[in-house]
PDB file of all heavy atoms in Angstrom:
ATOM      1  N   GLU A   1      -6.326  -0.879  -5.564  1.00  0.00           N
ATOM      2  CA  GLU A   1      -5.563  -1.882  -6.312  1.00  0.00           C
ATOM      3  C   GLU A   1      -4.344  -2.329  -5.515  1.00  0.00           C
ATOM      4  O   GLU A   1      -4.001  -3.513  -5.508  1.00  0.00           O
ATOM      5  CB  GLU A   1      -5.122  -1.321  -7.658  1.00  0.00           C
ATOM      6  CG  GLU A   1      -6.241  -1.170  -8.661  1.00  0.00           C
ATOM      7  CD  GLU A   1      -5.776  -0.583  -9.984  1.00  0.00           C
ATOM      8  OE1 GLU A   1      -4.558  -0.424 -10.194  1.00  0.00           O
ATOM      9  OE2 GLU A   1      -6.651  -0.281 -10.813  1.00  0.00           O
ATOM     10  N   ALA A   2      -3.686  -1.398  -4.844  1.00  0.00           N
ATOM     11  CA  ALA A   2      -2.530  -1.757  -4.016  1.00  0.00           C
ATOM     12  C   ALA A   2      -2.954  -2.721  -2.916  1.00  0.00           C
ATOM     13  O   ALA A   2      -2.264  -3.713  -2.649  1.00  0.00           O
ATOM     14  CB  ALA A   2      -1.888  -0.506  -3.422  1.00  0.00           C
ATOM     15  N   PHE A   3      -4.097  -2.453  -2.265  1.00  0.00           N
ATOM     16  CA  PHE A   3      -4.598  -3.349  -1.223  1.00  0.00           C
ATOM     17  C   PHE A   3      -4.826  -4.741  -1.784  1.00  0.00           C
ATOM     18  O   PHE A   3      -4.489  -5.742  -1.146  1.00  0.00           O
ATOM     19  CB  PHE A   3      -5.915  -2.831  -0.632  1.00  0.00           C
ATOM     20  CG  PHE A   3      -5.815  -1.524   0.093  1.00  0.00           C
ATOM     21  CD1 PHE A   3      -6.926  -0.717   0.213  1.00  0.00           C
ATOM     22  CD2 PHE A   3      -4.626  -1.089   0.672  1.00  0.00           C
ATOM     23  CE1 PHE A   3      -6.858   0.495   0.888  1.00  0.00           C
ATOM     24  CE2 PHE A   3      -4.549   0.118   1.347  1.00  0.00           C
ATOM     25  CZ  PHE A   3      -5.666   0.911   1.447  1.00  0.00           C
ATOM     26  N   ASP A   4      -5.418  -4.820  -2.976  1.00  0.00           N
ATOM     27  CA  ASP A   4      -5.676  -6.121  -3.601  1.00  0.00           C
ATOM     28  C   ASP A   4      -4.377  -6.891  -3.817  1.00  0.00           C
ATOM     29  O   ASP A   4      -4.279  -8.070  -3.475  1.00  0.00           O
ATOM     30  CB  ASP A   4      -6.415  -5.953  -4.928  1.00  0.00           C
ATOM     31  CG  ASP A   4      -7.849  -5.474  -4.751  1.00  0.00           C
ATOM     32  OD1 ASP A   4      -8.389  -5.555  -3.623  1.00  0.00           O
ATOM     33  OD2 ASP A   4      -8.426  -4.988  -5.749  1.00  0.00           O
ATOM     34  N   PHE A   5      -3.377  -6.229  -4.392  1.00  0.00           N
ATOM     35  CA  PHE A   5      -2.092  -6.884  -4.627  1.00  0.00           C
ATOM     36  C   PHE A   5      -1.447  -7.313  -3.312  1.00  0.00           C
ATOM     37  O   PHE A   5      -0.952  -8.434  -3.183  1.00  0.00           O
ATOM     38  CB  PHE A   5      -1.131  -5.963  -5.394  1.00  0.00           C
ATOM     39  CG  PHE A   5      -1.372  -5.914  -6.868  1.00  0.00           C
ATOM     40  CD1 PHE A   5      -1.846  -4.759  -7.463  1.00  0.00           C
ATOM     41  CD2 PHE A   5      -1.116  -7.009  -7.677  1.00  0.00           C
ATOM     42  CE1 PHE A   5      -2.066  -4.690  -8.832  1.00  0.00           C
ATOM     43  CE2 PHE A   5      -1.330  -6.957  -9.044  1.00  0.00           C
ATOM     44  CZ  PHE A   5      -1.809  -5.792  -9.619  1.00  0.00           C
ATOM     45  N   LEU A   6      -1.444  -6.423  -2.317  1.00  0.00           N
ATOM     46  CA  LEU A   6      -0.777  -6.710  -1.040  1.00  0.00           C
ATOM     47  C   LEU A   6      -1.492  -7.797  -0.243  1.00  0.00           C
ATOM     48  O   LEU A   6      -0.862  -8.477   0.565  1.00  0.00           O
ATOM     49  CB  LEU A   6      -0.665  -5.434  -0.206  1.00  0.00           C
ATOM     50  CG  LEU A   6       0.317  -4.394  -0.744  1.00  0.00           C
ATOM     51  CD1 LEU A   6       0.098  -3.045  -0.068  1.00  0.00           C
ATOM     52  CD2 LEU A   6       1.754  -4.862  -0.565  1.00  0.00           C
ATOM     53  N   SER A   7      -2.780  -7.972  -0.478  1.00  0.00           N
ATOM     54  CA  SER A   7      -3.502  -9.024   0.244  1.00  0.00           C
ATOM     55  C   SER A   7      -3.348 -10.389  -0.413  1.00  0.00           C
ATOM     56  O   SER A   7      -3.643 -11.410   0.202  1.00  0.00           O
ATOM     57  CB  SER A   7      -4.983  -8.659   0.389  1.00  0.00           C
ATOM     58  OG  SER A   7      -5.603  -8.618  -0.875  1.00  0.00           O
ATOM     59  N   CYS A   8      -2.861 -10.412  -1.658  1.00  0.00           N
ATOM     60  CA  CYS A   8      -2.736 -11.675  -2.396  1.00  0.00           C
ATOM     61  C   CYS A   8      -1.307 -12.168  -2.544  1.00  0.00           C
ATOM     62  O   CYS A   8      -1.098 -13.314  -2.938  1.00  0.00           O
ATOM     63  CB  CYS A   8      -3.340 -11.521  -3.785  1.00  0.00           C
ATOM     64  SG  CYS A   8      -5.111 -11.236  -3.775  1.00  0.00           S
ATOM     65  N   ALA A   9      -0.327 -11.323  -2.282  1.00  0.00           N
ATOM     66  CA  ALA A   9       1.061 -11.715  -2.515  1.00  0.00           C
ATOM     67  C   ALA A   9       1.979 -10.989  -1.531  1.00  0.00           C
ATOM     68  O   ALA A   9       1.610  -9.967  -0.968  1.00  0.00           O
ATOM     69  CB  ALA A   9       1.475 -11.384  -3.944  1.00  0.00           C
ATOM     70  N   ILE A  10       3.153 -11.549  -1.366  1.00  0.00           N
ATOM     71  CA  ILE A  10       4.179 -10.918  -0.533  1.00  0.00           C
ATOM     72  C   ILE A  10       5.154 -10.208  -1.461  1.00  0.00           C
ATOM     73  O   ILE A  10       5.689 -10.818  -2.393  1.00  0.00           O
ATOM     74  CB  ILE A  10       4.908 -11.957   0.337  1.00  0.00           C
ATOM     75  CG1 ILE A  10       3.933 -12.575   1.337  1.00  0.00           C
ATOM     76  CG2 ILE A  10       6.098 -11.326   1.052  1.00  0.00           C
ATOM     77  CD1 ILE A  10       4.501 -13.714   2.136  1.00  0.00           C
ATOM     78  N   TYR A  11       5.350  -8.928  -1.216  1.00  0.00           N
ATOM     79  CA  TYR A  11       6.281  -8.121  -2.004  1.00  0.00           C
ATOM     80  C   TYR A  11       7.494  -7.781  -1.157  1.00  0.00           C
ATOM     81  O   TYR A  11       7.373  -7.540   0.044  1.00  0.00           O
ATOM     82  CB  TYR A  11       5.600  -6.828  -2.486  1.00  0.00           C
ATOM     83  CG  TYR A  11       4.555  -7.097  -3.535  1.00  0.00           C
ATOM     84  CD1 TYR A  11       3.244  -7.382  -3.179  1.00  0.00           C
ATOM     85  CD2 TYR A  11       4.886  -7.107  -4.878  1.00  0.00           C
ATOM     86  CE1 TYR A  11       2.286  -7.669  -4.141  1.00  0.00           C
ATOM     87  CE2 TYR A  11       3.934  -7.390  -5.856  1.00  0.00           C
ATOM     88  CZ  TYR A  11       2.637  -7.668  -5.471  1.00  0.00           C
ATOM     89  OH  TYR A  11       1.705  -7.957  -6.423  1.00  0.00           O
ATOM     90  N   ASP A  12       8.644  -7.741  -1.796  1.00  0.00           N
ATOM     91  CA  ASP A  12       9.875  -7.361  -1.099  1.00  0.00           C
ATOM     92  C   ASP A  12       9.987  -5.849  -0.983  1.00  0.00           C
ATOM     93  O   ASP A  12      10.467  -5.329   0.028  1.00  0.00           O
ATOM     94  CB  ASP A  12      11.092  -7.900  -1.866  1.00  0.00           C
ATOM     95  CG  ASP A  12      11.034  -9.403  -2.003  1.00  0.00           C
ATOM     96  OD1 ASP A  12      11.157 -10.083  -0.974  1.00  0.00           O
ATOM     97  OD2 ASP A  12      10.843  -9.887  -3.130  1.00  0.00           O
ATOM     98  N   VAL A  13       9.552  -5.152  -2.024  1.00  0.00           N
ATOM     99  CA  VAL A  13       9.675  -3.693  -2.102  1.00  0.00           C
ATOM    100  C   VAL A  13       8.400  -3.123  -2.702  1.00  0.00           C
ATOM    101  O   VAL A  13       7.805  -3.724  -3.603  1.00  0.00           O
ATOM    102  CB  VAL A  13      10.881  -3.280  -2.986  1.00  0.00           C
ATOM    103  CG1 VAL A  13      10.951  -1.768  -3.174  1.00  0.00           C
ATOM    104  CG2 VAL A  13      12.182  -3.802  -2.407  1.00  0.00           C
ATOM    105  N   MET A  14       7.999  -1.955  -2.202  1.00  0.00           N
ATOM    106  CA  MET A  14       6.900  -1.215  -2.801  1.00  0.00           C
ATOM    107  C   MET A  14       7.385   0.196  -3.099  1.00  0.00           C
ATOM    108  O   MET A  14       7.959   0.852  -2.227  1.00  0.00           O
ATOM    109  CB  MET A  14       5.698  -1.143  -1.868  1.00  0.00           C
ATOM    110  CG  MET A  14       4.547  -0.337  -2.449  1.00  0.00           C
ATOM    111  SD  MET A  14       3.097  -0.279  -1.382  1.00  0.00           S
ATOM    112  CE  MET A  14       3.734   0.618   0.015  1.00  0.00           C
ATOM    113  N   LEU A  15       7.184   0.637  -4.348  1.00  0.00           N
ATOM    114  CA  LEU A  15       7.460   2.019  -4.721  1.00  0.00           C
ATOM    115  C   LEU A  15       6.134   2.751  -4.627  1.00  0.00           C
ATOM    116  O   LEU A  15       5.152   2.341  -5.242  1.00  0.00           O
ATOM    117  CB  LEU A  15       7.999   2.100  -6.140  1.00  0.00           C
ATOM    118  CG  LEU A  15       9.207   1.236  -6.472  1.00  0.00           C
ATOM    119  CD1 LEU A  15       9.636   1.462  -7.911  1.00  0.00           C
ATOM    120  CD2 LEU A  15      10.345   1.520  -5.526  1.00  0.00           C
ATOM    121  N   LEU A  16       6.092   3.835  -3.858  1.00  0.00           N
ATOM    122  CA  LEU A  16       4.826   4.514  -3.582  1.00  0.00           C
ATOM    123  C   LEU A  16       4.914   5.992  -3.896  1.00  0.00           C
ATOM    124  O   LEU A  16       5.728   6.713  -3.318  1.00  0.00           O
ATOM    125  CB  LEU A  16       4.456   4.327  -2.105  1.00  0.00           C
ATOM    126  CG  LEU A  16       3.182   5.024  -1.632  1.00  0.00           C
ATOM    127  CD1 LEU A  16       1.949   4.451  -2.334  1.00  0.00           C
ATOM    128  CD2 LEU A  16       3.053   4.896  -0.117  1.00  0.00           C
ATOM    129  N   ASP A  17       4.058   6.430  -4.827  1.00  0.00           N
ATOM    130  CA  ASP A  17       3.885   7.856  -5.077  1.00  0.00           C
ATOM    131  C   ASP A  17       3.032   8.398  -3.928  1.00  0.00           C
ATOM    132  O   ASP A  17       1.987   7.826  -3.614  1.00  0.00           O
ATOM    133  CB  ASP A  17       3.169   8.072  -6.412  1.00  0.00           C
ATOM    134  CG  ASP A  17       2.895   9.534  -6.713  1.00  0.00           C
ATOM    135  OD1 ASP A  17       3.514  10.414  -6.079  1.00  0.00           O
ATOM    136  OD2 ASP A  17       2.064   9.800  -7.585  1.00  0.00           O
ATOM    137  N   VAL A  18       3.474   9.475  -3.291  1.00  0.00           N
ATOM    138  CA  VAL A  18       2.727   9.987  -2.138  1.00  0.00           C
ATOM    139  C   VAL A  18       1.735  11.078  -2.516  1.00  0.00           C
ATOM    140  O   VAL A  18       0.963  11.511  -1.670  1.00  0.00           O
ATOM    141  CB  VAL A  18       3.662  10.474  -1.009  1.00  0.00           C
ATOM    142  CG1 VAL A  18       4.363   9.299  -0.369  1.00  0.00           C
ATOM    143  CG2 VAL A  18       4.632  11.511  -1.507  1.00  0.00           C
ATOM    144  N   VAL A  19       1.743  11.520  -3.768  1.00  0.00           N
ATOM    145  CA  VAL A  19       0.753  12.506  -4.204  1.00  0.00           C
ATOM    146  C   VAL A  19      -0.262  11.768  -5.074  1.00  0.00           C
ATOM    147  O   VAL A  19      -0.078  11.602  -6.271  1.00  0.00           O
ATOM    148  CB  VAL A  19       1.405  13.673  -4.972  1.00  0.00           C
ATOM    149  CG1 VAL A  19       0.343  14.666  -5.432  1.00  0.00           C
ATOM    150  CG2 VAL A  19       2.446  14.364  -4.106  1.00  0.00           C
ATOM    151  N   MET A  20      -1.322  11.293  -4.392  1.00  0.00           N
ATOM    152  CA  MET A  20      -2.379  10.553  -5.065  1.00  0.00           C
ATOM    153  C   MET A  20      -3.714  11.140  -4.617  1.00  0.00           C
ATOM    154  O   MET A  20      -3.795  11.763  -3.561  1.00  0.00           O
ATOM    155  CB  MET A  20      -2.298   9.059  -4.720  1.00  0.00           C
ATOM    156  CG  MET A  20      -1.055   8.390  -5.291  1.00  0.00           C
ATOM    157  SD  MET A  20      -0.849   6.669  -4.796  1.00  0.00           S
ATOM    158  CE  MET A  20      -2.337   5.911  -5.376  1.00  0.00           C
ATOM    159  N   PRO A  21      -4.768  10.961  -5.401  1.00  0.00           N
ATOM    160  CA  PRO A  21      -6.078  11.507  -5.022  1.00  0.00           C
ATOM    161  C   PRO A  21      -6.535  11.036  -3.646  1.00  0.00           C
ATOM    162  O   PRO A  21      -6.280   9.905  -3.246  1.00  0.00           O
ATOM    163  CB  PRO A  21      -7.016  10.972  -6.116  1.00  0.00           C
ATOM    164  CG  PRO A  21      -6.117  10.683  -7.271  1.00  0.00           C
ATOM    165  CD  PRO A  21      -4.799  10.262  -6.674  1.00  0.00           C
ATOM    166  N   ARG A  22      -7.174  11.924  -2.934  1.00  0.00           N
ATOM    167  CA  ARG A  22      -7.778  11.644  -1.614  1.00  0.00           C
ATOM    168  C   ARG A  22      -6.775  11.093  -0.606  1.00  0.00           C
ATOM    169  O   ARG A  22      -7.122  10.265   0.232  1.00  0.00           O
ATOM    170  CB  ARG A  22      -8.974  10.702  -1.762  1.00  0.00           C
ATOM    171  CG  ARG A  22     -10.093  11.292  -2.597  1.00  0.00           C
ATOM    172  CD  ARG A  22     -11.246  10.337  -2.797  1.00  0.00           C
ATOM    173  NE  ARG A  22     -10.906   9.100  -3.477  1.00  0.00           N
ATOM    174  CZ  ARG A  22     -10.742   8.962  -4.787  1.00  0.00           C
ATOM    175  NH1 ARG A  22     -10.873   9.983  -5.577  1.00  0.00           N
ATOM    176  NH2 ARG A  22     -10.440   7.794  -5.309  1.00  0.00           N
ATOM    177  N   ASN A  23      -5.518  11.549  -0.670  1.00  0.00           N
ATOM    178  CA  ASN A  23      -4.480  11.106   0.266  1.00  0.00           C
ATOM    179  C   ASN A  23      -4.372   9.585   0.344  1.00  0.00           C
ATOM    180  O   ASN A  23      -4.103   9.019   1.403  1.00  0.00           O
ATOM    181  CB  ASN A  23      -4.723  11.682   1.666  1.00  0.00           C
ATOM    182  CG  ASN A  23      -4.494  13.164   1.712  1.00  0.00           C
ATOM    183  OD1 ASN A  23      -3.638  13.683   0.996  1.00  0.00           O
ATOM    184  ND2 ASN A  23      -5.252  13.860   2.528  1.00  0.00           N
ATOM    185  N   ALA A  24      -4.580   8.917  -0.765  1.00  0.00           N
ATOM    186  CA  ALA A  24      -4.574   7.450  -0.803  1.00  0.00           C
ATOM    187  C   ALA A  24      -3.252   6.857  -0.348  1.00  0.00           C
ATOM    188  O   ALA A  24      -3.219   5.752   0.192  1.00  0.00           O
ATOM    189  CB  ALA A  24      -4.912   6.963  -2.204  1.00  0.00           C
ATOM    190  N   SER A  25      -2.157   7.574  -0.536  1.00  0.00           N
ATOM    191  CA  SER A  25      -0.862   7.032  -0.128  1.00  0.00           C
ATOM    192  C   SER A  25      -0.801   6.821   1.382  1.00  0.00           C
ATOM    193  O   SER A  25      -0.175   5.873   1.851  1.00  0.00           O
ATOM    194  CB  SER A  25       0.268   7.942  -0.580  1.00  0.00           C
ATOM    195  OG  SER A  25       0.108   9.238  -0.031  1.00  0.00           O
ATOM    196  N   ILE A  26      -1.471   7.668   2.138  1.00  0.00           N
ATOM    197  CA  ILE A  26      -1.511   7.486   3.598  1.00  0.00           C
ATOM    198  C   ILE A  26      -2.239   6.192   3.930  1.00  0.00           C
ATOM    199  O   ILE A  26      -1.828   5.452   4.828  1.00  0.00           O
ATOM    200  CB  ILE A  26      -2.174   8.704   4.276  1.00  0.00           C
ATOM    201  CG1 ILE A  26      -1.278   9.930   4.086  1.00  0.00           C
ATOM    202  CG2 ILE A  26      -2.455   8.435   5.742  1.00  0.00           C
ATOM    203  CD1 ILE A  26      -1.893  11.238   4.493  1.00  0.00           C
ATOM    204  N   ASP A  27      -3.307   5.893   3.206  1.00  0.00           N
ATOM    205  CA  ASP A  27      -4.033   4.635   3.410  1.00  0.00           C
ATOM    206  C   ASP A  27      -3.132   3.432   3.143  1.00  0.00           C
ATOM    207  O   ASP A  27      -3.164   2.444   3.873  1.00  0.00           O
ATOM    208  CB  ASP A  27      -5.264   4.562   2.510  1.00  0.00           C
ATOM    209  CG  ASP A  27      -6.283   5.644   2.822  1.00  0.00           C
ATOM    210  OD1 ASP A  27      -6.317   6.122   3.965  1.00  0.00           O
ATOM    211  OD2 ASP A  27      -7.043   6.010   1.908  1.00  0.00           O
ATOM    212  N   VAL A  28      -2.334   3.523   2.092  1.00  0.00           N
ATOM    213  CA  VAL A  28      -1.433   2.417   1.762  1.00  0.00           C
ATOM    214  C   VAL A  28      -0.373   2.250   2.848  1.00  0.00           C
ATOM    215  O   VAL A  28      -0.104   1.137   3.306  1.00  0.00           O
ATOM    216  CB  VAL A  28      -0.772   2.627   0.376  1.00  0.00           C
ATOM    217  CG1 VAL A  28       0.255   1.541   0.092  1.00  0.00           C
ATOM    218  CG2 VAL A  28      -1.829   2.675  -0.723  1.00  0.00           C
ATOM    219  N   LEU A  29       0.224   3.354   3.298  1.00  0.00           N
ATOM    220  CA  LEU A  29       1.228   3.271   4.364  1.00  0.00           C
ATOM    221  C   LEU A  29       0.627   2.694   5.647  1.00  0.00           C
ATOM    222  O   LEU A  29       1.269   1.904   6.337  1.00  0.00           O
ATOM    223  CB  LEU A  29       1.829   4.651   4.633  1.00  0.00           C
ATOM    224  CG  LEU A  29       2.780   5.179   3.567  1.00  0.00           C
ATOM    225  CD1 LEU A  29       3.085   6.652   3.793  1.00  0.00           C
ATOM    226  CD2 LEU A  29       4.057   4.360   3.521  1.00  0.00           C
ATOM    227  N   THR A  30      -0.595   3.066   5.959  1.00  0.00           N
ATOM    228  CA  THR A  30      -1.272   2.541   7.146  1.00  0.00           C
ATOM    229  C   THR A  30      -1.511   1.047   7.009  1.00  0.00           C
ATOM    230  O   THR A  30      -1.322   0.283   7.961  1.00  0.00           O
ATOM    231  CB  THR A  30      -2.604   3.278   7.371  1.00  0.00           C
ATOM    232  OG1 THR A  30      -2.334   4.668   7.539  1.00  0.00           O
ATOM    233  CG2 THR A  30      -3.328   2.755   8.597  1.00  0.00           C
ATOM    234  N   MET A  31      -1.882   0.601   5.820  1.00  0.00           N
ATOM    235  CA  MET A  31      -2.139  -0.820   5.596  1.00  0.00           C
ATOM    236  C   MET A  31      -0.892  -1.658   5.830  1.00  0.00           C
ATOM    237  O   MET A  31      -0.974  -2.783   6.323  1.00  0.00           O
ATOM    238  CB  MET A  31      -2.651  -1.056   4.184  1.00  0.00           C
ATOM    239  CG  MET A  31      -2.973  -2.512   3.923  1.00  0.00           C
ATOM    240  SD  MET A  31      -3.081  -2.874   2.178  1.00  0.00           S
ATOM    241  CE  MET A  31      -3.560  -4.584   2.243  1.00  0.00           C
ATOM    242  N   LEU A  32       0.270  -1.109   5.500  1.00  0.00           N
ATOM    243  CA  LEU A  32       1.508  -1.864   5.664  1.00  0.00           C
ATOM    244  C   LEU A  32       1.714  -2.319   7.107  1.00  0.00           C
ATOM    245  O   LEU A  32       2.266  -3.384   7.356  1.00  0.00           O
ATOM    246  CB  LEU A  32       2.711  -1.030   5.211  1.00  0.00           C
ATOM    247  CG  LEU A  32       2.791  -0.691   3.736  1.00  0.00           C
ATOM    248  CD1 LEU A  32       4.058   0.114   3.454  1.00  0.00           C
ATOM    249  CD2 LEU A  32       2.740  -1.933   2.878  1.00  0.00           C
ATOM    250  N   ARG A  33       1.281  -1.498   8.045  1.00  0.00           N
ATOM    251  CA  ARG A  33       1.453  -1.843   9.472  1.00  0.00           C
ATOM    252  C   ARG A  33       0.720  -3.120   9.846  1.00  0.00           C
ATOM    253  O   ARG A  33       1.109  -3.809  10.771  1.00  0.00           O
ATOM    254  CB  ARG A  33       0.974  -0.700  10.359  1.00  0.00           C
ATOM    255  CG  ARG A  33       1.845   0.502  10.277  1.00  0.00           C
ATOM    256  CD  ARG A  33       1.418   1.537  11.299  1.00  0.00           C
ATOM    257  NE  ARG A  33       1.555   2.837  10.686  1.00  0.00           N
ATOM    258  CZ  ARG A  33       0.740   3.842  10.842  1.00  0.00           C
ATOM    259  NH1 ARG A  33      -0.307   3.724  11.626  1.00  0.00           N
ATOM    260  NH2 ARG A  33       0.946   4.979  10.236  1.00  0.00           N
ATOM    261  N   GLY A  34      -0.356  -3.446   9.134  1.00  0.00           N
ATOM    262  CA  GLY A  34      -1.143  -4.624   9.455  1.00  0.00           C
ATOM    263  C   GLY A  34      -0.711  -5.894   8.749  1.00  0.00           C
ATOM    264  O   GLY A  34      -1.270  -6.962   8.996  1.00  0.00           O
ATOM    265  N   LEU A  35       0.288  -5.799   7.889  1.00  0.00           N
ATOM    266  CA  LEU A  35       0.733  -6.974   7.142  1.00  0.00           C
ATOM    267  C   LEU A  35       1.737  -7.789   7.949  1.00  0.00           C
ATOM    268  O   LEU A  35       2.601  -7.229   8.620  1.00  0.00           O
ATOM    269  CB  LEU A  35       1.376  -6.556   5.818  1.00  0.00           C
ATOM    270  CG  LEU A  35       0.472  -5.878   4.799  1.00  0.00           C
ATOM    271  CD1 LEU A  35       1.288  -5.439   3.599  1.00  0.00           C
ATOM    272  CD2 LEU A  35      -0.659  -6.806   4.374  1.00  0.00           C
ATOM    273  N   ALA A  36       1.645  -9.098   7.829  1.00  0.00           N
ATOM    274  CA  ALA A  36       2.611  -9.974   8.503  1.00  0.00           C
ATOM    275  C   ALA A  36       4.013  -9.785   7.933  1.00  0.00           C
ATOM    276  O   ALA A  36       5.004  -9.818   8.660  1.00  0.00           O
ATOM    277  CB  ALA A  36       2.173 -11.431   8.374  1.00  0.00           C
TER     278      ALA A  36
END
């Protein structure tokens, strides 16, 4: 869901819980590197 939101809109701030199933927070942090 985070990927969907981040691919459709520009956010100024993201609040991220780092304890999520299957280390999903690492995936989200990695995705940030690829955003313009």
